[in-house]
Amino acid sequence: MDTSSLELPTSPASPRVALASPLLDVDPERLWVRVEGQHVSLSGLQLRLLVYLWKHRTWVKSRGQILEEVWGCGVDVNDKAVDVHVCRLRRRLGAAGLLLESVRSFGYRLNATRP
């Protein structure tokens, strides 16, 4: 599998580490996601989106911020692409999809503490 297209948003101050909540486990190093202990297969874009929201969990991120950080600068995509991909990601995550919260007229946040 070519992982060159799966670059994840990181910064020197935030090394890649496994992320976990009661419902959702994400390991960006190993490129895997588990929901309630079951492996879930995600596309590279879905994984980058999930990791970006996880790394900024509890912060509301605008569609523009998500586009810039997940899709990259200079990509000619409409903000509604974020809505479509979040919807698809929620569907793939099943029960854990409820952790992806919409903030009306602004963007999204991942609330890992949500029951």
C-alpha atoms as a PDB file:
ATOM      1  CA  MET A   1       0.000   0.000   0.000  1.00  0.00           C
ATOM      2  CA  ASP A   2       1.380   3.413  -0.964  1.00  0.00           C
ATOM      3  CA  THR A   3       1.313   5.549   2.177  1.00  0.00           C
ATOM      4  CA  SER A   4       2.773   8.659   0.533  1.00  0.00           C
ATOM      5  CA  SER A   5      -0.750  10.019   0.040  1.00  0.00           C
ATOM      6  CA  LEU A   6      -1.563   9.374   3.693  1.00  0.00           C
ATOM      7  CA  GLU A   7       0.515  12.159   5.235  1.00  0.00           C
ATOM      8  CA  LEU A   8      -1.091  13.153   8.487  1.00  0.00           C
ATOM      9  CA  PRO A   9      -1.191  16.631   9.994  1.00  0.00           C
ATOM     10  CA  THR A  10       1.585  16.833  12.577  1.00  0.00           C
ATOM     11  CA  SER A  11       3.882  19.440  13.981  1.00  0.00           C
ATOM     12  CA  PRO A  12       7.313  19.050  15.557  1.00  0.00           C
ATOM     13  CA  ALA A  13       5.759  19.733  18.973  1.00  0.00           C
ATOM     14  CA  SER A  14       3.097  17.024  18.589  1.00  0.00           C
ATOM     15  CA  PRO A  15       4.565  13.611  17.750  1.00  0.00           C
ATOM     16  CA  ARG A  16       2.380  10.908  16.263  1.00  0.00           C
ATOM     17  CA  VAL A  17       0.803   8.964  19.105  1.00  0.00           C
ATOM     18  CA  ALA A  18      -2.143   6.635  19.425  1.00  0.00           C
ATOM     19  CA  LEU A  19      -5.358   8.399  20.364  1.00  0.00           C
ATOM     20  CA  ALA A  20      -8.101   6.655  22.305  1.00  0.00           C
ATOM     21  CA  SER A  21     -11.554   7.183  23.769  1.00  0.00           C
ATOM     22  CA  PRO A  22     -14.052   4.624  25.065  1.00  0.00           C
ATOM     23  CA  LEU A  23     -15.613   4.326  21.586  1.00  0.00           C
ATOM     24  CA  LEU A  24     -12.772   5.204  19.244  1.00  0.00           C
ATOM     25  CA  ASP A  25      -9.097   4.235  18.969  1.00  0.00           C
ATOM     26  CA  VAL A  26      -6.908   5.896  16.337  1.00  0.00           C
ATOM     27  CA  ASP A  27      -3.252   5.155  15.639  1.00  0.00           C
ATOM     28  CA  PRO A  28      -1.931   7.463  12.917  1.00  0.00           C
ATOM     29  CA  GLU A  29       1.483   5.715  12.927  1.00  0.00           C
ATOM     30  CA  ARG A  30       0.001   2.338  12.071  1.00  0.00           C
ATOM     31  CA  LEU A  31      -2.810   3.841   9.983  1.00  0.00           C
ATOM     32  CA  TRP A  32      -5.606   2.050  11.809  1.00  0.00           C
ATOM     33  CA  VAL A  33      -8.900   2.979  13.415  1.00  0.00           C
ATOM     34  CA  ARG A  34     -11.036   0.875  15.733  1.00  0.00           C
ATOM     35  CA  VAL A  35     -14.601   1.532  16.797  1.00  0.00           C
ATOM     36  CA  GLU A  36     -15.659  -0.432  19.878  1.00  0.00           C
ATOM     37  CA  GLY A  37     -12.669  -2.712  19.301  1.00  0.00           C
ATOM     38  CA  GLN A  38     -13.506  -3.470  15.652  1.00  0.00           C
ATOM     39  CA  HIS A  39     -11.134  -2.393  12.868  1.00  0.00           C
ATOM     40  CA  VAL A  40     -12.613   0.210  10.495  1.00  0.00           C
ATOM     41  CA  SER A  41     -11.109   0.805   7.066  1.00  0.00           C
ATOM     42  CA  LEU A  42     -10.857   4.482   6.055  1.00  0.00           C
ATOM     43  CA  SER A  43      -9.585   6.238   2.959  1.00  0.00           C
ATOM     44  CA  GLY A  44      -6.473   8.394   3.290  1.00  0.00           C
ATOM     45  CA  LEU A  45      -8.560  11.571   3.270  1.00  0.00           C
ATOM     46  CA  GLN A  46     -10.959  10.218   5.895  1.00  0.00           C
ATOM     47  CA  LEU A  47      -8.032   9.255   8.116  1.00  0.00           C
ATOM     48  CA  ARG A  48      -6.373  12.688   7.730  1.00  0.00           C
ATOM     49  CA  LEU A  49      -9.705  14.372   8.528  1.00  0.00           C
ATOM     50  CA  LEU A  50     -10.263  12.228  11.613  1.00  0.00           C
ATOM     51  CA  VAL A  51      -6.719  12.712  12.911  1.00  0.00           C
ATOM     52  CA  TYR A  52      -6.883  16.489  12.328  1.00  0.00           C
ATOM     53  CA  LEU A  53     -10.149  16.791  14.252  1.00  0.00           C
ATOM     54  CA  TRP A  54      -8.832  14.491  16.981  1.00  0.00           C
ATOM     55  CA  LYS A  55      -5.647  16.498  17.442  1.00  0.00           C
ATOM     56  CA  HIS A  56      -7.804  19.610  17.829  1.00  0.00           C
ATOM     57  CA  ARG A  57     -10.586  17.920  19.772  1.00  0.00           C
ATOM     58  CA  THR A  58     -12.894  20.200  21.714  1.00  0.00           C
ATOM     59  CA  TRP A  59     -11.876  23.063  19.382  1.00  0.00           C
ATOM     60  CA  VAL A  60     -14.355  24.039  16.722  1.00  0.00           C
ATOM     61  CA  LYS A  61     -12.648  24.094  13.336  1.00  0.00           C
ATOM     62  CA  SER A  62     -14.162  26.039  10.463  1.00  0.00           C
ATOM     63  CA  ARG A  63     -14.696  24.410   7.101  1.00  0.00           C
ATOM     64  CA  GLY A  64     -11.990  26.698   5.708  1.00  0.00           C
ATOM     65  CA  GLN A  65      -9.488  25.598   8.365  1.00  0.00           C
ATOM     66  CA  ILE A  66     -10.297  21.954   7.687  1.00  0.00           C
ATOM     67  CA  LEU A  67      -9.911  22.427   3.927  1.00  0.00           C
ATOM     68  CA  GLU A  68      -6.565  24.147   4.346  1.00  0.00           C
ATOM     69  CA  GLU A  69      -5.124  21.628   6.793  1.00  0.00           C
ATOM     70  CA  VAL A  70      -6.587  18.360   5.483  1.00  0.00           C
ATOM     71  CA  TRP A  71      -6.858  18.982   1.742  1.00  0.00           C
ATOM     72  CA  GLY A  72      -3.908  21.384   1.556  1.00  0.00           C
ATOM     73  CA  CYS A  73      -3.341  24.924   0.372  1.00  0.00           C
ATOM     74  CA  GLY A  74      -4.355  25.809  -3.133  1.00  0.00           C
ATOM     75  CA  VAL A  75      -6.857  22.996  -3.572  1.00  0.00           C
ATOM     76  CA  ASP A  76      -9.844  24.185  -5.568  1.00  0.00           C
ATOM     77  CA  VAL A  77     -12.626  22.606  -3.502  1.00  0.00           C
ATOM     78  CA  ASN A  78     -15.866  24.038  -2.159  1.00  0.00           C
ATOM     79  CA  ASP A  79     -16.493  24.098   1.639  1.00  0.00           C
ATOM     80  CA  LYS A  80     -19.402  21.733   1.094  1.00  0.00           C
ATOM     81  CA  ALA A  81     -16.819  19.046   0.290  1.00  0.00           C
ATOM     82  CA  VAL A  82     -16.020  19.076   4.015  1.00  0.00           C
ATOM     83  CA  ASP A  83     -19.691  18.412   4.830  1.00  0.00           C
ATOM     84  CA  VAL A  84     -19.812  15.505   2.386  1.00  0.00           C
ATOM     85  CA  HIS A  85     -16.622  13.928   3.749  1.00  0.00           C
ATOM     86  CA  VAL A  86     -17.658  14.384   7.386  1.00  0.00           C
ATOM     87  CA  CYS A  87     -20.980  12.710   6.547  1.00  0.00           C
ATOM     88  CA  ARG A  88     -19.160   9.783   4.915  1.00  0.00           C
ATOM     89  CA  LEU A  89     -16.712   9.559   7.824  1.00  0.00           C
ATOM     90  CA  ARG A  90     -19.587   9.483  10.332  1.00  0.00           C
ATOM     91  CA  ARG A  91     -21.178   6.657   8.374  1.00  0.00           C
ATOM     92  CA  ARG A  92     -17.898   4.666   8.336  1.00  0.00           C
ATOM     93  CA  LEU A  93     -17.395   5.186  12.085  1.00  0.00           C
ATOM     94  CA  GLY A  94     -20.858   3.924  13.015  1.00  0.00           C
ATOM     95  CA  ALA A  95     -21.522   4.568  16.722  1.00  0.00           C
ATOM     96  CA  ALA A  96     -18.352   6.672  17.026  1.00  0.00           C
ATOM     97  CA  GLY A  97     -19.628   8.954  14.236  1.00  0.00           C
ATOM     98  CA  LEU A  98     -21.650  10.738  16.924  1.00  0.00           C
ATOM     99  CA  LEU A  99     -18.359  12.117  18.269  1.00  0.00           C
ATOM    100  CA  LEU A 100     -18.114  14.345  15.164  1.00  0.00           C
ATOM    101  CA  GLU A 101     -20.241  17.345  16.088  1.00  0.00           C
ATOM    102  CA  SER A 102     -21.545  19.946  13.650  1.00  0.00           C
ATOM    103  CA  VAL A 103     -21.404  23.572  14.694  1.00  0.00           C
ATOM    104  CA  ARG A 104     -24.092  25.219  12.632  1.00  0.00           C
ATOM    105  CA  SER A 105     -22.897  27.716  10.012  1.00  0.00           C
ATOM    106  CA  PHE A 106     -19.276  27.265  11.070  1.00  0.00           C
ATOM    107  CA  GLY A 107     -17.670  23.853  11.055  1.00  0.00           C
ATOM    108  CA  TYR A 108     -16.957  20.769  13.139  1.00  0.00           C
ATOM    109  CA  ARG A 109     -15.376  19.469  16.310  1.00  0.00           C
ATOM    110  CA  LEU A 110     -14.603  16.033  17.620  1.00  0.00           C
ATOM    111  CA  ASN A 111     -15.937  15.584  21.144  1.00  0.00           C
ATOM    112  CA  ALA A 112     -14.095  12.516  22.438  1.00  0.00           C
ATOM    113  CA  THR A 113     -15.758  12.796  25.857  1.00  0.00           C
ATOM    114  CA  ARG A 114     -19.276  12.458  24.479  1.00  0.00           C
ATOM    115  CA  PRO A 115     -21.011   9.344  25.856  1.00  0.00           C
END
